[in-house]
Amino acid sequence: MCTVTYLPLPEQGFIVTSTRDEKTIRKPALPPEKYNVHGRQVYFPRDTDAGGTWISASPGGHTLCLLNG
């Protein structure tokens, strides 16, 4: 089971964490890096098998986390 934790900070912002519960036969994800997606900077780890991601953040303050059920 994947788990997401959201912790709002008292003054401003938040901390978000995500565990990636995948089959052990899958390769580990690549560490987060800066990518350019449609002209925008986005930071995310990349899945080495599928090439996508499940969590990302942008310098503008947007954070996205994808969960499936």
PDB file of N, CA and C in Angstrom:
ATOM      1  N   MET A   1       0.844  -1.180   0.000  1.00  0.00           N
ATOM      2  CA  MET A   1       0.000   0.000   0.000  1.00  0.00           C
ATOM      3  C   MET A   1       0.891   1.245   0.000  1.00  0.00           C
ATOM      4  N   CYS A   2       0.584   2.190  -0.876  1.00  0.00           N
ATOM      5  CA  CYS A   2       1.298   3.465  -0.904  1.00  0.00           C
ATOM      6  C   CYS A   2       0.735   4.368   0.192  1.00  0.00           C
ATOM      7  N   THR A   3       1.594   5.205   0.758  1.00  0.00           N
ATOM      8  CA  THR A   3       1.178   6.102   1.833  1.00  0.00           C
ATOM      9  C   THR A   3       1.669   7.507   1.528  1.00  0.00           C
ATOM     10  N   VAL A   4       0.790   8.481   1.726  1.00  0.00           N
ATOM     11  CA  VAL A   4       1.143   9.892   1.588  1.00  0.00           C
ATOM     12  C   VAL A   4       0.923  10.556   2.936  1.00  0.00           C
ATOM     13  N   THR A   5       1.887  11.369   3.351  1.00  0.00           N
ATOM     14  CA  THR A   5       1.767  12.119   4.597  1.00  0.00           C
ATOM     15  C   THR A   5       1.859  13.601   4.277  1.00  0.00           C
ATOM     16  N   TYR A   6       0.942  14.373   4.842  1.00  0.00           N
ATOM     17  CA  TYR A   6       0.908  15.826   4.652  1.00  0.00           C
ATOM     18  C   TYR A   6       0.984  16.475   6.034  1.00  0.00           C
ATOM     19  N   LEU A   7       1.992  17.310   6.233  1.00  0.00           N
ATOM     20  CA  LEU A   7       2.166  18.012   7.506  1.00  0.00           C
ATOM     21  C   LEU A   7       2.230  19.513   7.251  1.00  0.00           C
ATOM     22  N   PRO A   8       1.163  20.249   7.601  1.00  0.00           N
ATOM     23  CA  PRO A   8       1.227  21.706   7.449  1.00  0.00           C
ATOM     24  C   PRO A   8       2.202  22.284   8.480  1.00  0.00           C
ATOM     25  N   LEU A   9       2.966  23.278   8.073  1.00  0.00           N
ATOM     26  CA  LEU A   9       3.907  23.934   8.969  1.00  0.00           C
ATOM     27  C   LEU A   9       3.233  25.134   9.619  1.00  0.00           C
ATOM     28  N   PRO A  10       3.596  25.464  10.858  1.00  0.00           N
ATOM     29  CA  PRO A  10       2.914  26.537  11.586  1.00  0.00           C
ATOM     30  C   PRO A  10       2.990  27.902  10.901  1.00  0.00           C
ATOM     31  N   GLU A  11       4.140  28.253  10.363  1.00  0.00           N
ATOM     32  CA  GLU A  11       4.301  29.589   9.794  1.00  0.00           C
ATOM     33  C   GLU A  11       3.884  29.662   8.329  1.00  0.00           C
ATOM     34  N   GLN A  12       4.357  28.691   7.537  1.00  0.00           N
ATOM     35  CA  GLN A  12       4.056  28.720   6.112  1.00  0.00           C
ATOM     36  C   GLN A  12       4.510  27.412   5.481  1.00  0.00           C
ATOM     37  N   GLY A  13       3.815  26.982   4.462  1.00  0.00           N
ATOM     38  CA  GLY A  13       4.217  25.805   3.713  1.00  0.00           C
ATOM     39  C   GLY A  13       3.784  24.493   4.345  1.00  0.00           C
ATOM     40  N   PHE A  14       4.413  23.429   3.904  1.00  0.00           N
ATOM     41  CA  PHE A  14       4.063  22.098   4.367  1.00  0.00           C
ATOM     42  C   PHE A  14       5.179  21.129   4.007  1.00  0.00           C
ATOM     43  N   ILE A  15       5.084  19.938   4.573  1.00  0.00           N
ATOM     44  CA  ILE A  15       5.964  18.829   4.225  1.00  0.00           C
ATOM     45  C   ILE A  15       5.074  17.719   3.699  1.00  0.00           C
ATOM     46  N   VAL A  16       5.443  17.134   2.563  1.00  0.00           N
ATOM     47  CA  VAL A  16       4.697  16.001   2.028  1.00  0.00           C
ATOM     48  C   VAL A  16       5.699  14.863   1.773  1.00  0.00           C
ATOM     49  N   THR A  17       5.307  13.663   2.163  1.00  0.00           N
ATOM     50  CA  THR A  17       6.139  12.490   1.910  1.00  0.00           C
ATOM     51  C   THR A  17       5.293  11.442   1.205  1.00  0.00           C
ATOM     52  N   SER A  18       5.952  10.546   0.513  1.00  0.00           N
ATOM     53  CA  SER A  18       5.243   9.491  -0.204  1.00  0.00           C
ATOM     54  C   SER A  18       6.094   8.234  -0.207  1.00  0.00           C
ATOM     55  N   THR A  19       5.480   7.107   0.119  1.00  0.00           N
ATOM     56  CA  THR A  19       6.161   5.828  -0.030  1.00  0.00           C
ATOM     57  C   THR A  19       5.670   5.198  -1.317  1.00  0.00           C
ATOM     58  N   ARG A  20       6.532   4.509  -1.989  1.00  0.00           N
ATOM     59  CA  ARG A  20       6.206   3.888  -3.271  1.00  0.00           C
ATOM     60  C   ARG A  20       6.218   2.378  -3.064  1.00  0.00           C
ATOM     61  N   ASP A  21       5.051   1.825  -2.885  1.00  0.00           N
ATOM     62  CA  ASP A  21       4.921   0.398  -2.614  1.00  0.00           C
ATOM     63  C   ASP A  21       4.773  -0.341  -3.935  1.00  0.00           C
ATOM     64  N   GLU A  22       5.881  -0.836  -4.452  1.00  0.00           N
ATOM     65  CA  GLU A  22       5.877  -1.511  -5.743  1.00  0.00           C
ATOM     66  C   GLU A  22       6.390  -2.934  -5.594  1.00  0.00           C
ATOM     67  N   LYS A  23       6.190  -3.693  -6.625  1.00  0.00           N
ATOM     68  CA  LYS A  23       6.721  -5.059  -6.653  1.00  0.00           C
ATOM     69  C   LYS A  23       8.241  -5.013  -6.558  1.00  0.00           C
ATOM     70  N   THR A  24       8.810  -5.957  -5.848  1.00  0.00           N
ATOM     71  CA  THR A  24      10.256  -5.973  -5.657  1.00  0.00           C
ATOM     72  C   THR A  24      11.012  -6.276  -6.946  1.00  0.00           C
ATOM     73  N   ILE A  25      10.321  -6.762  -7.973  1.00  0.00           N
ATOM     74  CA  ILE A  25      11.003  -7.034  -9.242  1.00  0.00           C
ATOM     75  C   ILE A  25      11.217  -5.765 -10.070  1.00  0.00           C
ATOM     76  N   ARG A  26      10.534  -4.676  -9.703  1.00  0.00           N
ATOM     77  CA  ARG A  26      10.720  -3.410 -10.412  1.00  0.00           C
ATOM     78  C   ARG A  26      12.029  -2.773 -10.003  1.00  0.00           C
ATOM     79  N   LYS A  27      12.651  -2.079 -10.933  1.00  0.00           N
ATOM     80  CA  LYS A  27      13.885  -1.356 -10.636  1.00  0.00           C
ATOM     81  C   LYS A  27      13.566  -0.166  -9.724  1.00  0.00           C
ATOM     82  N   PRO A  28      14.535   0.265  -8.921  1.00  0.00           N
ATOM     83  CA  PRO A  28      14.319   1.465  -8.095  1.00  0.00           C
ATOM     84  C   PRO A  28      14.106   2.697  -8.974  1.00  0.00           C
ATOM     85  N   ALA A  29      13.352   3.638  -8.456  1.00  0.00           N
ATOM     86  CA  ALA A  29      13.142   4.898  -9.174  1.00  0.00           C
ATOM     87  C   ALA A  29      14.425   5.727  -9.149  1.00  0.00           C
ATOM     88  N   LEU A  30      14.560   6.606 -10.124  1.00  0.00           N
ATOM     89  CA  LEU A  30      15.677   7.543 -10.141  1.00  0.00           C
ATOM     90  C   LEU A  30      15.416   8.644  -9.120  1.00  0.00           C
ATOM     91  N   PRO A  31      16.448   9.185  -8.478  1.00  0.00           N
ATOM     92  CA  PRO A  31      16.248  10.273  -7.510  1.00  0.00           C
ATOM     93  C   PRO A  31      15.609  11.492  -8.175  1.00  0.00           C
ATOM     94  N   PRO A  32      14.953  12.347  -7.392  1.00  0.00           N
ATOM     95  CA  PRO A  32      14.339  13.544  -7.966  1.00  0.00           C
ATOM     96  C   PRO A  32      15.360  14.424  -8.688  1.00  0.00           C
ATOM     97  N   GLU A  33      14.930  14.950  -9.814  1.00  0.00           N
ATOM     98  CA  GLU A  33      15.733  15.885 -10.609  1.00  0.00           C
ATOM     99  C   GLU A  33      14.822  16.966 -11.152  1.00  0.00           C
ATOM    100  N   LYS A  34      15.445  18.019 -11.691  1.00  0.00           N
ATOM    101  CA  LYS A  34      14.680  19.090 -12.334  1.00  0.00           C
ATOM    102  C   LYS A  34      14.452  18.709 -13.787  1.00  0.00           C
ATOM    103  N   TYR A  35      13.203  18.782 -14.238  1.00  0.00           N
ATOM    104  CA  TYR A  35      12.831  18.511 -15.621  1.00  0.00           C
ATOM    105  C   TYR A  35      12.077  19.714 -16.170  1.00  0.00           C
ATOM    106  N   ASN A  36      12.059  19.839 -17.480  1.00  0.00           N
ATOM    107  CA  ASN A  36      11.279  20.873 -18.145  1.00  0.00           C
ATOM    108  C   ASN A  36      10.095  20.185 -18.806  1.00  0.00           C
ATOM    109  N   VAL A  37       8.885  20.503 -18.330  1.00  0.00           N
ATOM    110  CA  VAL A  37       7.661  19.892 -18.855  1.00  0.00           C
ATOM    111  C   VAL A  37       6.779  21.004 -19.413  1.00  0.00           C
ATOM    112  N   HIS A  38       6.607  21.020 -20.715  1.00  0.00           N
ATOM    113  CA  HIS A  38       5.798  22.050 -21.393  1.00  0.00           C
ATOM    114  C   HIS A  38       6.241  23.455 -20.992  1.00  0.00           C
ATOM    115  N   GLY A  39       7.554  23.663 -20.931  1.00  0.00           N
ATOM    116  CA  GLY A  39       8.096  24.983 -20.634  1.00  0.00           C
ATOM    117  C   GLY A  39       8.127  25.356 -19.163  1.00  0.00           C
ATOM    118  N   ARG A  40       7.823  24.425 -18.280  1.00  0.00           N
ATOM    119  CA  ARG A  40       7.819  24.710 -16.842  1.00  0.00           C
ATOM    120  C   ARG A  40       8.800  23.797 -16.114  1.00  0.00           C
ATOM    121  N   GLN A  41       9.460  24.349 -15.100  1.00  0.00           N
ATOM    122  CA  GLN A  41      10.356  23.543 -14.284  1.00  0.00           C
ATOM    123  C   GLN A  41       9.537  22.693 -13.318  1.00  0.00           C
ATOM    124  N   VAL A  42       9.861  21.419 -13.256  1.00  0.00           N
ATOM    125  CA  VAL A  42       9.171  20.492 -12.353  1.00  0.00           C
ATOM    126  C   VAL A  42      10.226  19.550 -11.777  1.00  0.00           C
ATOM    127  N   TYR A  43      10.103  19.247 -10.500  1.00  0.00           N
ATOM    128  CA  TYR A  43      11.027  18.334  -9.825  1.00  0.00           C
ATOM    129  C   TYR A  43      10.281  17.055  -9.486  1.00  0.00           C
ATOM    130  N   PHE A  44      10.875  15.911  -9.860  1.00  0.00           N
ATOM    131  CA  PHE A  44      10.236  14.642  -9.509  1.00  0.00           C
ATOM    132  C   PHE A  44      11.193  13.467  -9.666  1.00  0.00           C
ATOM    133  N   PRO A  45      10.918  12.373  -8.924  1.00  0.00           N
ATOM    134  CA  PRO A  45      11.640  11.125  -9.158  1.00  0.00           C
ATOM    135  C   PRO A  45      11.041  10.471 -10.398  1.00  0.00           C
ATOM    136  N   ARG A  46      11.834   9.715 -11.137  1.00  0.00           N
ATOM    137  CA  ARG A  46      11.340   9.093 -12.365  1.00  0.00           C
ATOM    138  C   ARG A  46      11.361   7.579 -12.227  1.00  0.00           C
ATOM    139  N   ASP A  47      10.237   6.954 -12.589  1.00  0.00           N
ATOM    140  CA  ASP A  47      10.134   5.505 -12.600  1.00  0.00           C
ATOM    141  C   ASP A  47      10.988   4.974 -13.752  1.00  0.00           C
ATOM    142  N   THR A  48      11.920   4.074 -13.457  1.00  0.00           N
ATOM    143  CA  THR A  48      12.836   3.593 -14.494  1.00  0.00           C
ATOM    144  C   THR A  48      12.176   2.608 -15.455  1.00  0.00           C
ATOM    145  N   ASP A  49      11.106   1.944 -15.040  1.00  0.00           N
ATOM    146  CA  ASP A  49      10.418   1.003 -15.933  1.00  0.00           C
ATOM    147  C   ASP A  49       9.456   1.713 -16.883  1.00  0.00           C
ATOM    148  N   ALA A  50       8.610   2.595 -16.351  1.00  0.00           N
ATOM    149  CA  ALA A  50       7.582   3.239 -17.171  1.00  0.00           C
ATOM    150  C   ALA A  50       7.960   4.646 -17.619  1.00  0.00           C
ATOM    151  N   GLY A  51       8.931   5.280 -16.937  1.00  0.00           N
ATOM    152  CA  GLY A  51       9.368   6.618 -17.326  1.00  0.00           C
ATOM    153  C   GLY A  51       8.572   7.751 -16.732  1.00  0.00           C
ATOM    154  N   GLY A  52       7.522   7.451 -15.996  1.00  0.00           N
ATOM    155  CA  GLY A  52       6.683   8.486 -15.407  1.00  0.00           C
ATOM    156  C   GLY A  52       7.038   8.774 -13.971  1.00  0.00           C
ATOM    157  N   THR A  53       6.110   9.379 -13.263  1.00  0.00           N
ATOM    158  CA  THR A  53       6.302   9.705 -11.853  1.00  0.00           C
ATOM    159  C   THR A  53       4.973   9.634 -11.124  1.00  0.00           C
ATOM    160  N   TRP A  54       5.010   9.677  -9.822  1.00  0.00           N
ATOM    161  CA  TRP A  54       3.810   9.630  -8.992  1.00  0.00           C
ATOM    162  C   TRP A  54       3.720  10.842  -8.074  1.00  0.00           C
ATOM    163  N   ILE A  55       4.808  11.628  -8.017  1.00  0.00           N
ATOM    164  CA  ILE A  55       4.807  12.820  -7.163  1.00  0.00           C
ATOM    165  C   ILE A  55       5.707  13.867  -7.808  1.00  0.00           C
ATOM    166  N   SER A  56       5.310  15.137  -7.722  1.00  0.00           N
ATOM    167  CA  SER A  56       6.124  16.197  -8.313  1.00  0.00           C
ATOM    168  C   SER A  56       5.880  17.510  -7.581  1.00  0.00           C
ATOM    169  N   ALA A  57       6.801  18.447  -7.777  1.00  0.00           N
ATOM    170  CA  ALA A  57       6.676  19.780  -7.188  1.00  0.00           C
ATOM    171  C   ALA A  57       7.266  20.787  -8.163  1.00  0.00           C
ATOM    172  N   SER A  58       6.748  22.007  -8.115  1.00  0.00           N
ATOM    173  CA  SER A  58       7.260  23.062  -8.973  1.00  0.00           C
ATOM    174  C   SER A  58       7.702  24.247  -8.118  1.00  0.00           C
ATOM    175  N   PRO A  59       8.618  25.068  -8.645  1.00  0.00           N
ATOM    176  CA  PRO A  59       9.070  26.240  -7.887  1.00  0.00           C
ATOM    177  C   PRO A  59       7.931  27.205  -7.567  1.00  0.00           C
ATOM    178  N   GLY A  60       6.847  27.163  -8.323  1.00  0.00           N
ATOM    179  CA  GLY A  60       5.708  28.045  -8.077  1.00  0.00           C
ATOM    180  C   GLY A  60       4.841  27.630  -6.905  1.00  0.00           C
ATOM    181  N   GLY A  61       5.182  26.520  -6.261  1.00  0.00           N
ATOM    182  CA  GLY A  61       4.440  26.102  -5.078  1.00  0.00           C
ATOM    183  C   GLY A  61       3.404  25.028  -5.318  1.00  0.00           C
ATOM    184  N   HIS A  62       3.340  24.478  -6.511  1.00  0.00           N
ATOM    185  CA  HIS A  62       2.382  23.407  -6.783  1.00  0.00           C
ATOM    186  C   HIS A  62       3.011  22.050  -6.473  1.00  0.00           C
ATOM    187  N   THR A  63       2.256  21.195  -5.816  1.00  0.00           N
ATOM    188  CA  THR A  63       2.686  19.841  -5.516  1.00  0.00           C
ATOM    189  C   THR A  63       1.593  18.887  -5.953  1.00  0.00           C
ATOM    190  N   LEU A  64       1.990  17.779  -6.565  1.00  0.00           N
ATOM    191  CA  LEU A  64       1.036  16.798  -7.064  1.00  0.00           C
ATOM    192  C   LEU A  64       1.467  15.412  -6.601  1.00  0.00           C
ATOM    193  N   CYS A  65       0.501  14.619  -6.142  1.00  0.00           N
ATOM    194  CA  CYS A  65       0.781  13.240  -5.781  1.00  0.00           C
ATOM    195  C   CYS A  65      -0.348  12.368  -6.306  1.00  0.00           C
ATOM    196  N   LEU A  66      -0.002  11.379  -7.091  1.00  0.00           N
ATOM    197  CA  LEU A  66      -0.982  10.500  -7.700  1.00  0.00           C
ATOM    198  C   LEU A  66      -1.085   9.202  -6.913  1.00  0.00           C
ATOM    199  N   LEU A  67      -2.287   8.852  -6.546  1.00  0.00           N
ATOM    200  CA  LEU A  67      -2.552   7.593  -5.844  1.00  0.00           C
ATOM    201  C   LEU A  67      -3.552   6.785  -6.668  1.00  0.00           C
ATOM    202  N   ASN A  68      -3.413   5.491  -6.627  1.00  0.00           N
ATOM    203  CA  ASN A  68      -4.411   4.639  -7.275  1.00  0.00           C
ATOM    204  C   ASN A  68      -5.005   3.700  -6.223  1.00  0.00           C
ATOM    205  N   GLY A  69      -6.196   3.258  -6.483  1.00  0.00           N
ATOM    206  CA  GLY A  69      -6.865   2.443  -5.477  1.00  0.00           C
ATOM    207  C   GLY A  69      -7.340   1.133  -6.014  1.00  0.00           C
TER     208      GLY A  69
END
